[in-house]
Amino acid sequence: MTHLHVCHDSFTEAIAQVAHERGVLFHTDASQSVGKVDVDVVLMHVDFLTIAGTVCCSVLQCVAVCCSAMQCVLVCCQESGCLSCAHAC
């Protein structure tokens, strides 16, 4: 299940709870929220979180996906037409 955090930031925890009760993994797209409102993966109980670097802090076209269960982050950036990805666990 995916939802847009910036539109429903006050409901994220409740939506995550309903998803988990039904055995569904929960993803939130926080690309437009990071830097504007508090974003805490642990408090929100999300399984996956996406942010975009161009919106919050980077001149590069970057996207990061956080997996809370494995405590991993995958970051992909595009510069001069080349895509490079890295992950950290």
C-alpha atoms as a PDB file:
ATOM      1  CA  MET A   1       0.000   0.000   0.000  1.00  0.00           C
ATOM      2  CA  THR A   2       1.326   3.444  -0.900  1.00  0.00           C
ATOM      3  CA  HIS A   3       0.196   6.905   0.111  1.00  0.00           C
ATOM      4  CA  LEU A   4       1.430  10.484  -0.271  1.00  0.00           C
ATOM      5  CA  HIS A   5       2.762  11.707   3.053  1.00  0.00           C
ATOM      6  CA  VAL A   6       2.472  15.417   2.281  1.00  0.00           C
ATOM      7  CA  CYS A   7      -1.294  15.097   1.715  1.00  0.00           C
ATOM      8  CA  HIS A   8      -2.018  12.932   4.757  1.00  0.00           C
ATOM      9  CA  ASP A   9       0.909  13.361   7.166  1.00  0.00           C
ATOM     10  CA  SER A  10      -1.325  13.379  10.258  1.00  0.00           C
ATOM     11  CA  PHE A  11      -2.920  10.054   9.238  1.00  0.00           C
ATOM     12  CA  THR A  12       0.230   8.127   8.283  1.00  0.00           C
ATOM     13  CA  GLU A  13       0.517   6.170  11.537  1.00  0.00           C
ATOM     14  CA  ALA A  14      -3.169   5.177  11.504  1.00  0.00           C
ATOM     15  CA  ILE A  15      -3.038   4.112   7.852  1.00  0.00           C
ATOM     16  CA  ALA A  16       0.114   2.070   8.536  1.00  0.00           C
ATOM     17  CA  GLN A  17      -1.596   0.338  11.451  1.00  0.00           C
ATOM     18  CA  VAL A  18      -4.564  -0.693   9.296  1.00  0.00           C
ATOM     19  CA  ALA A  19      -2.223  -1.975   6.563  1.00  0.00           C
ATOM     20  CA  HIS A  20      -0.158  -4.004   9.042  1.00  0.00           C
ATOM     21  CA  GLU A  21      -3.281  -5.481  10.672  1.00  0.00           C
ATOM     22  CA  ARG A  22      -4.121  -6.877   7.253  1.00  0.00           C
ATOM     23  CA  GLY A  23      -0.597  -8.125   6.577  1.00  0.00           C
ATOM     24  CA  VAL A  24       0.124  -5.473   3.943  1.00  0.00           C
ATOM     25  CA  LEU A  25       3.486  -3.718   3.642  1.00  0.00           C
ATOM     26  CA  PHE A  26       3.177   0.049   3.845  1.00  0.00           C
ATOM     27  CA  HIS A  27       5.070   2.609   1.728  1.00  0.00           C
ATOM     28  CA  THR A  28       4.841   6.369   1.991  1.00  0.00           C
ATOM     29  CA  ASP A  29       6.118   8.853  -0.556  1.00  0.00           C
ATOM     30  CA  ALA A  30       7.616  11.650   1.518  1.00  0.00           C
ATOM     31  CA  SER A  31       9.329  13.369  -1.411  1.00  0.00           C
ATOM     32  CA  GLN A  32       7.362  16.571  -0.943  1.00  0.00           C
ATOM     33  CA  SER A  33       7.364  16.418   2.897  1.00  0.00           C
ATOM     34  CA  VAL A  34      11.027  16.091   3.857  1.00  0.00           C
ATOM     35  CA  GLY A  35      12.316  19.430   5.072  1.00  0.00           C
ATOM     36  CA  LYS A  36       8.804  20.828   5.469  1.00  0.00           C
ATOM     37  CA  VAL A  37       7.226  18.586   8.132  1.00  0.00           C
ATOM     38  CA  ASP A  38       8.636  16.003  10.541  1.00  0.00           C
ATOM     39  CA  VAL A  39       9.323  12.661   8.877  1.00  0.00           C
ATOM     40  CA  ASP A  40      10.207   9.801  11.238  1.00  0.00           C
ATOM     41  CA  VAL A  41      10.117   6.273   9.808  1.00  0.00           C
ATOM     42  CA  VAL A  42       9.945   4.685  13.274  1.00  0.00           C
ATOM     43  CA  LEU A  43       7.094   6.845  14.580  1.00  0.00           C
ATOM     44  CA  MET A  44       5.135   6.510  11.334  1.00  0.00           C
ATOM     45  CA  HIS A  45       5.512   2.680  11.313  1.00  0.00           C
ATOM     46  CA  VAL A  46       6.204   2.621   7.581  1.00  0.00           C
ATOM     47  CA  ASP A  47       7.961  -0.284   5.897  1.00  0.00           C
ATOM     48  CA  PHE A  48       9.299   1.800   3.003  1.00  0.00           C
ATOM     49  CA  LEU A  49       9.832   5.547   2.617  1.00  0.00           C
ATOM     50  CA  THR A  50      10.768   7.431  -0.547  1.00  0.00           C
ATOM     51  CA  ILE A  51      12.371  10.882  -0.695  1.00  0.00           C
ATOM     52  CA  ALA A  52      13.674  12.935  -3.619  1.00  0.00           C
ATOM     53  CA  GLY A  53      16.889  14.900  -3.302  1.00  0.00           C
ATOM     54  CA  THR A  54      15.914  17.599  -5.769  1.00  0.00           C
ATOM     55  CA  VAL A  55      12.986  18.566  -3.545  1.00  0.00           C
ATOM     56  CA  CYS A  56      14.729  18.672  -0.176  1.00  0.00           C
ATOM     57  CA  CYS A  57      18.449  19.142  -0.446  1.00  0.00           C
ATOM     58  CA  SER A  58      20.278  18.191  -3.640  1.00  0.00           C
ATOM     59  CA  VAL A  59      20.946  19.717  -7.009  1.00  0.00           C
ATOM     60  CA  LEU A  60      21.307  16.204  -8.428  1.00  0.00           C
ATOM     61  CA  GLN A  61      18.301  14.175  -9.481  1.00  0.00           C
ATOM     62  CA  CYS A  62      18.371  11.693  -6.596  1.00  0.00           C
ATOM     63  CA  VAL A  63      15.833   9.357  -5.055  1.00  0.00           C
ATOM     64  CA  ALA A  64      16.278   7.412  -1.817  1.00  0.00           C
ATOM     65  CA  VAL A  65      14.179   4.492  -0.628  1.00  0.00           C
ATOM     66  CA  CYS A  66      14.434   3.440   3.001  1.00  0.00           C
ATOM     67  CA  CYS A  67      13.463  -0.062   4.149  1.00  0.00           C
ATOM     68  CA  SER A  68      12.797   0.054   7.884  1.00  0.00           C
ATOM     69  CA  ALA A  69      12.753  -3.736   8.467  1.00  0.00           C
ATOM     70  CA  MET A  70      16.216  -4.300   6.999  1.00  0.00           C
ATOM     71  CA  GLN A  71      17.484  -0.852   8.023  1.00  0.00           C
ATOM     72  CA  CYS A  72      18.700  -0.268   4.464  1.00  0.00           C
ATOM     73  CA  VAL A  73      18.728   2.732   2.181  1.00  0.00           C
ATOM     74  CA  LEU A  74      18.966   2.618  -1.616  1.00  0.00           C
ATOM     75  CA  VAL A  75      20.009   5.864  -3.277  1.00  0.00           C
ATOM     76  CA  CYS A  76      19.967   6.421  -7.043  1.00  0.00           C
ATOM     77  CA  CYS A  77      21.248   9.610  -8.663  1.00  0.00           C
ATOM     78  CA  GLN A  78      21.334  10.768 -12.241  1.00  0.00           C
ATOM     79  CA  GLU A  79      23.982  13.190 -13.428  1.00  0.00           C
ATOM     80  CA  SER A  80      24.819  13.986 -17.058  1.00  0.00           C
ATOM     81  CA  GLY A  81      22.561  11.185 -18.259  1.00  0.00           C
ATOM     82  CA  CYS A  82      24.274   8.507 -16.141  1.00  0.00           C
ATOM     83  CA  LEU A  83      22.373   6.645 -13.404  1.00  0.00           C
ATOM     84  CA  SER A  84      24.280   5.360 -10.412  1.00  0.00           C
ATOM     85  CA  CYS A  85      22.870   3.558  -7.381  1.00  0.00           C
ATOM     86  CA  ALA A  86      24.289   2.627  -4.005  1.00  0.00           C
ATOM     87  CA  HIS A  87      22.868   0.988  -0.935  1.00  0.00           C
ATOM     88  CA  ALA A  88      23.768   0.867   2.734  1.00  0.00           C
ATOM     89  CA  CYS A  89      22.551  -1.510   5.401  1.00  0.00           C
END
